[in-house]
Amino acid sequence: MNLRRDVFQAIADPTRRAILLLLSTQSLTAGAIASNFDTARPTVSKHLQILTACGLLRQEQQGREMHYHFNAEKMKEIADFIEPFRQMWEDRFNKLENVMKKYQQKNKE
């Protein structure tokens, strides 16, 4: 059974987030990626499969090697989804900050 991976499930794993950070600046082969982790190469390969299946990475064959590239467009979809929540929390923290400032001013008087 080949299920389409959910992008939020993919980024829930710390190793996969680390792989995304690593690939955000350069494309690398699976072996080069695996050399940055203290896990078995098949484990890293499974993480790469998941990230590729949900569209966060894309593969490019270069000769005999497969290079993995970060897909910034897919990350933008995640950022666009999260943005309203970020704005909501920012507004709440700003309101809290104003309440605290008023409280501090009142206590100084």
N, C-alpha and C. Protein backbone atom coordinates (compact mmCIF):
# COMPACT_ATOMS: atom_id res chain seq x y z
N MET A 1 0.84 -1.18 0.00
CA MET A 1 0.00 0.00 0.00
C MET A 1 0.89 1.25 0.00
N ASN A 2 0.70 2.12 -0.94
CA ASN A 2 1.53 3.32 -1.08
C ASN A 2 0.68 4.54 -0.74
N LEU A 3 0.74 4.98 0.50
CA LEU A 3 -0.04 6.13 0.95
C LEU A 3 0.74 7.42 0.72
N ARG A 4 0.04 8.46 0.33
CA ARG A 4 0.64 9.77 0.18
C ARG A 4 0.93 10.32 1.57
N ARG A 5 2.14 10.72 1.83
CA ARG A 5 2.54 11.22 3.14
C ARG A 5 2.02 12.63 3.36
N ASP A 6 1.64 12.92 4.58
CA ASP A 6 1.22 14.24 4.97
C ASP A 6 2.46 15.05 5.36
N VAL A 7 2.54 16.27 4.87
CA VAL A 7 3.71 17.10 5.10
C VAL A 7 3.92 17.38 6.59
N PHE A 8 2.84 17.50 7.34
CA PHE A 8 2.98 17.78 8.77
C PHE A 8 3.46 16.55 9.54
N GLN A 9 3.10 15.37 9.09
CA GLN A 9 3.66 14.15 9.67
C GLN A 9 5.16 14.10 9.37
N ALA A 10 5.52 14.49 8.18
CA ALA A 10 6.93 14.44 7.78
C ALA A 10 7.78 15.37 8.63
N ILE A 11 7.33 16.58 8.86
CA ILE A 11 8.16 17.53 9.62
C ILE A 11 8.04 17.34 11.13
N ALA A 12 7.17 16.42 11.57
CA ALA A 12 7.06 16.15 13.00
C ALA A 12 8.30 15.43 13.53
N ASP A 13 9.03 14.76 12.69
CA ASP A 13 10.20 14.00 13.11
C ASP A 13 11.45 14.89 13.14
N PRO A 14 12.18 14.91 14.25
CA PRO A 14 13.37 15.78 14.35
C PRO A 14 14.47 15.44 13.34
N THR A 15 14.63 14.18 13.01
CA THR A 15 15.65 13.81 12.02
C THR A 15 15.28 14.37 10.65
N ARG A 16 14.02 14.28 10.30
CA ARG A 16 13.59 14.81 9.00
C ARG A 16 13.72 16.33 8.96
N ARG A 17 13.43 16.99 10.08
CA ARG A 17 13.63 18.45 10.11
C ARG A 17 15.12 18.78 9.94
N ALA A 18 15.98 17.99 10.55
CA ALA A 18 17.43 18.21 10.41
C ALA A 18 17.87 17.99 8.97
N ILE A 19 17.30 17.01 8.31
CA ILE A 19 17.62 16.76 6.90
C ILE A 19 17.18 17.95 6.06
N LEU A 20 16.00 18.48 6.33
CA LEU A 20 15.53 19.66 5.59
C LEU A 20 16.45 20.85 5.80
N LEU A 21 16.89 21.07 7.02
CA LEU A 21 17.82 22.17 7.28
C LEU A 21 19.13 21.97 6.52
N LEU A 22 19.61 20.75 6.52
CA LEU A 22 20.85 20.41 5.82
C LEU A 22 20.73 20.67 4.32
N LEU A 23 19.59 20.29 3.75
CA LEU A 23 19.40 20.44 2.31
C LEU A 23 18.91 21.83 1.90
N SER A 24 18.60 22.67 2.86
CA SER A 24 18.11 24.01 2.52
C SER A 24 19.20 24.87 1.89
N THR A 25 20.46 24.49 2.07
CA THR A 25 21.58 25.28 1.51
C THR A 25 22.31 24.60 0.37
N GLN A 26 22.10 23.29 0.22
CA GLN A 26 22.82 22.56 -0.83
C GLN A 26 22.13 21.24 -1.13
N SER A 27 22.32 20.75 -2.34
CA SER A 27 21.82 19.41 -2.67
C SER A 27 22.90 18.41 -2.32
N LEU A 28 22.47 17.24 -1.87
CA LEU A 28 23.42 16.20 -1.45
C LEU A 28 22.91 14.83 -1.87
N THR A 29 23.81 13.88 -1.92
CA THR A 29 23.44 12.49 -2.15
C THR A 29 22.98 11.88 -0.82
N ALA A 30 22.35 10.72 -0.91
CA ALA A 30 21.89 10.04 0.30
C ALA A 30 23.06 9.72 1.23
N GLY A 31 24.17 9.29 0.65
CA GLY A 31 25.35 8.97 1.45
C GLY A 31 25.90 10.19 2.17
N ALA A 32 25.94 11.33 1.49
CA ALA A 32 26.43 12.56 2.11
C ALA A 32 25.49 13.01 3.22
N ILE A 33 24.20 12.83 3.01
CA ILE A 33 23.22 13.18 4.04
C ILE A 33 23.40 12.26 5.24
N ALA A 34 23.49 10.96 4.99
CA ALA A 34 23.62 9.97 6.06
C ALA A 34 24.88 10.20 6.89
N SER A 35 25.93 10.72 6.30
CA SER A 35 27.18 10.94 7.04
C SER A 35 27.02 12.00 8.13
N ASN A 36 25.95 12.76 8.09
CA ASN A 36 25.69 13.79 9.10
C ASN A 36 24.90 13.27 10.30
N PHE A 37 24.54 11.99 10.28
CA PHE A 37 23.69 11.43 11.33
C PHE A 37 24.30 10.17 11.91
N ASP A 38 23.98 9.91 13.17
CA ASP A 38 24.48 8.72 13.87
C ASP A 38 23.48 7.57 13.77
N THR A 39 22.82 7.45 12.64
CA THR A 39 21.87 6.36 12.42
C THR A 39 22.31 5.57 11.20
N ALA A 40 21.73 4.42 11.04
CA ALA A 40 22.06 3.57 9.89
C ALA A 40 21.60 4.23 8.60
N ARG A 41 22.33 3.98 7.54
CA ARG A 41 21.98 4.57 6.25
C ARG A 41 20.58 4.19 5.78
N PRO A 42 20.13 2.94 5.98
CA PRO A 42 18.75 2.62 5.58
C PRO A 42 17.70 3.48 6.32
N THR A 43 18.00 3.84 7.56
CA THR A 43 17.09 4.70 8.32
C THR A 43 17.01 6.08 7.67
N VAL A 44 18.15 6.62 7.29
CA VAL A 44 18.17 7.92 6.61
C VAL A 44 17.45 7.81 5.27
N SER A 45 17.66 6.71 4.56
CA SER A 45 16.98 6.50 3.27
C SER A 45 15.47 6.50 3.45
N LYS A 46 14.98 5.91 4.53
CA LYS A 46 13.54 5.90 4.79
C LYS A 46 13.04 7.33 5.04
N HIS A 47 13.81 8.11 5.78
CA HIS A 47 13.44 9.52 6.00
C HIS A 47 13.40 10.28 4.67
N LEU A 48 14.37 10.00 3.80
CA LEU A 48 14.40 10.66 2.50
C LEU A 48 13.19 10.26 1.65
N GLN A 49 12.80 9.01 1.73
CA GLN A 49 11.60 8.54 1.00
C GLN A 49 10.36 9.29 1.47
N ILE A 50 10.23 9.45 2.77
CA ILE A 50 9.06 10.13 3.33
C ILE A 50 9.05 11.59 2.90
N LEU A 51 10.19 12.27 3.00
CA LEU A 51 10.28 13.69 2.62
C LEU A 51 10.03 13.88 1.13
N THR A 52 10.46 12.92 0.32
CA THR A 52 10.23 12.99 -1.13
C THR A 52 8.76 12.72 -1.44
N ALA A 53 8.17 11.74 -0.76
CA ALA A 53 6.78 11.38 -1.02
C ALA A 53 5.82 12.53 -0.72
N CYS A 54 6.14 13.35 0.26
CA CYS A 54 5.24 14.47 0.59
C CYS A 54 5.63 15.74 -0.15
N GLY A 55 6.68 15.69 -0.96
CA GLY A 55 7.02 16.83 -1.80
C GLY A 55 7.98 17.84 -1.20
N LEU A 56 8.51 17.56 -0.01
CA LEU A 56 9.46 18.50 0.59
C LEU A 56 10.84 18.40 -0.03
N LEU A 57 11.13 17.25 -0.62
CA LEU A 57 12.40 17.05 -1.35
C LEU A 57 12.07 16.58 -2.76
N ARG A 58 12.98 16.86 -3.65
CA ARG A 58 12.88 16.29 -4.99
C ARG A 58 14.21 15.64 -5.32
N GLN A 59 14.14 14.61 -6.13
CA GLN A 59 15.34 13.85 -6.50
C GLN A 59 15.77 14.24 -7.91
N GLU A 60 17.09 14.20 -8.12
CA GLU A 60 17.63 14.46 -9.45
C GLU A 60 18.79 13.48 -9.68
N GLN A 61 18.66 12.69 -10.72
CA GLN A 61 19.71 11.75 -11.09
C GLN A 61 20.84 12.51 -11.76
N GLN A 62 22.05 12.36 -11.22
CA GLN A 62 23.25 12.95 -11.82
C GLN A 62 24.26 11.83 -11.98
N GLY A 63 24.35 11.31 -13.20
CA GLY A 63 25.20 10.16 -13.43
C GLY A 63 24.65 8.96 -12.69
N ARG A 64 25.48 8.35 -11.86
CA ARG A 64 25.04 7.17 -11.10
C ARG A 64 24.48 7.55 -9.74
N GLU A 65 24.54 8.83 -9.40
CA GLU A 65 24.11 9.25 -8.07
C GLU A 65 22.79 10.00 -8.10
N MET A 66 22.03 9.83 -7.03
CA MET A 66 20.77 10.54 -6.85
C MET A 66 21.03 11.70 -5.88
N HIS A 67 20.74 12.90 -6.32
CA HIS A 67 20.90 14.08 -5.48
C HIS A 67 19.53 14.52 -4.98
N TYR A 68 19.49 14.94 -3.73
CA TYR A 68 18.26 15.41 -3.11
C TYR A 68 18.30 16.92 -2.99
N HIS A 69 17.19 17.55 -3.36
CA HIS A 69 17.06 19.01 -3.34
C HIS A 69 15.89 19.40 -2.46
N PHE A 70 16.05 20.47 -1.74
CA PHE A 70 15.00 21.05 -0.90
C PHE A 70 13.96 21.71 -1.80
N ASN A 71 12.68 21.48 -1.54
CA ASN A 71 11.61 22.08 -2.32
C ASN A 71 11.00 23.25 -1.53
N ALA A 72 11.51 24.44 -1.78
CA ALA A 72 11.08 25.63 -1.03
C ALA A 72 9.61 25.95 -1.26
N GLU A 73 9.10 25.63 -2.44
CA GLU A 73 7.68 25.91 -2.73
C GLU A 73 6.76 25.15 -1.79
N LYS A 74 7.10 23.91 -1.49
CA LYS A 74 6.28 23.11 -0.58
C LYS A 74 6.36 23.68 0.84
N MET A 75 7.53 24.15 1.23
CA MET A 75 7.66 24.77 2.55
C MET A 75 6.84 26.05 2.62
N LYS A 76 6.71 26.76 1.51
CA LYS A 76 5.89 27.98 1.50
C LYS A 76 4.44 27.63 1.78
N GLU A 77 3.98 26.49 1.27
CA GLU A 77 2.62 26.04 1.56
C GLU A 77 2.42 25.84 3.06
N ILE A 78 3.42 25.28 3.72
CA ILE A 78 3.36 25.08 5.16
C ILE A 78 3.32 26.44 5.86
N ALA A 79 4.20 27.33 5.45
CA ALA A 79 4.26 28.67 6.06
C ALA A 79 2.95 29.41 5.87
N ASP A 80 2.37 29.30 4.69
CA ASP A 80 1.08 29.97 4.42
C ASP A 80 -0.02 29.42 5.31
N PHE A 81 0.01 28.11 5.58
CA PHE A 81 -0.99 27.51 6.46
C PHE A 81 -0.81 28.00 7.90
N ILE A 82 0.43 28.12 8.34
CA ILE A 82 0.74 28.48 9.73
C ILE A 82 0.59 29.98 9.99
N GLU A 83 0.72 30.80 8.98
CA GLU A 83 0.74 32.26 9.15
C GLU A 83 -0.45 32.82 9.94
N PRO A 84 -1.69 32.45 9.66
CA PRO A 84 -2.80 33.00 10.46
C PRO A 84 -2.68 32.68 11.95
N PHE A 85 -2.16 31.50 12.27
CA PHE A 85 -1.99 31.13 13.67
C PHE A 85 -0.87 31.94 14.31
N ARG A 86 0.21 32.17 13.56
CA ARG A 86 1.31 32.99 14.06
C ARG A 86 0.82 34.40 14.35
N GLN A 87 0.04 34.94 13.44
CA GLN A 87 -0.49 36.29 13.61
C GLN A 87 -1.42 36.36 14.82
N MET A 88 -2.25 35.34 15.00
CA MET A 88 -3.16 35.29 16.14
C MET A 88 -2.37 35.31 17.45
N TRP A 89 -1.32 34.49 17.55
CA TRP A 89 -0.52 34.44 18.78
C TRP A 89 0.25 35.72 18.97
N GLU A 90 0.74 36.32 17.91
CA GLU A 90 1.45 37.59 18.02
C GLU A 90 0.52 38.66 18.58
N ASP A 91 -0.71 38.70 18.08
CA ASP A 91 -1.70 39.66 18.59
C ASP A 91 -1.98 39.42 20.07
N ARG A 92 -2.12 38.18 20.47
CA ARG A 92 -2.38 37.86 21.88
C ARG A 92 -1.21 38.26 22.77
N PHE A 93 0.01 38.00 22.31
CA PHE A 93 1.18 38.38 23.11
C PHE A 93 1.30 39.90 23.21
N ASN A 94 0.95 40.61 22.14
CA ASN A 94 0.97 42.07 22.18
C ASN A 94 -0.04 42.60 23.19
N LYS A 95 -1.22 42.02 23.22
CA LYS A 95 -2.25 42.41 24.20
C LYS A 95 -1.77 42.13 25.61
N LEU A 96 -1.16 40.98 25.82
CA LEU A 96 -0.64 40.63 27.13
C LEU A 96 0.46 41.61 27.55
N GLU A 97 1.33 41.95 26.61
CA GLU A 97 2.40 42.90 26.90
C GLU A 97 1.82 44.25 27.32
N ASN A 98 0.78 44.72 26.64
CA ASN A 98 0.14 45.99 26.99
C ASN A 98 -0.48 45.93 28.38
N VAL A 99 -1.13 44.83 28.72
CA VAL A 99 -1.71 44.67 30.05
C VAL A 99 -0.62 44.71 31.11
N MET A 100 0.48 44.03 30.84
CA MET A 100 1.59 44.00 31.81
C MET A 100 2.22 45.38 31.99
N LYS A 101 2.36 46.13 30.90
CA LYS A 101 2.91 47.49 30.99
C LYS A 101 2.00 48.38 31.82
N LYS A 102 0.68 48.27 31.60
CA LYS A 102 -0.28 49.07 32.37
C LYS A 102 -0.20 48.70 33.85
N TYR A 103 -0.07 47.41 34.13
CA TYR A 103 0.02 46.93 35.50
C TYR A 103 1.29 47.47 36.16
N GLN A 104 2.41 47.44 35.44
CA GLN A 104 3.68 47.93 35.99
C GLN A 104 3.61 49.44 36.25
N GLN A 105 3.00 50.18 35.33
CA GLN A 105 2.86 51.62 35.51
C GLN A 105 1.98 51.92 36.72
N LYS A 106 0.93 51.17 36.90
CA LYS A 106 0.00 51.38 38.00
C LYS A 106 0.71 51.10 39.33
N ASN A 107 1.56 50.10 39.38
CA ASN A 107 2.28 49.76 40.60
C ASN A 107 3.39 50.74 40.93
N LYS A 108 3.89 51.47 39.94
CA LYS A 108 4.91 52.48 40.17
C LYS A 108 4.33 53.72 40.81
N GLU A 109 3.06 53.97 40.58
CA GLU A 109 2.41 55.19 41.08
C GLU A 109 2.14 55.15 42.54
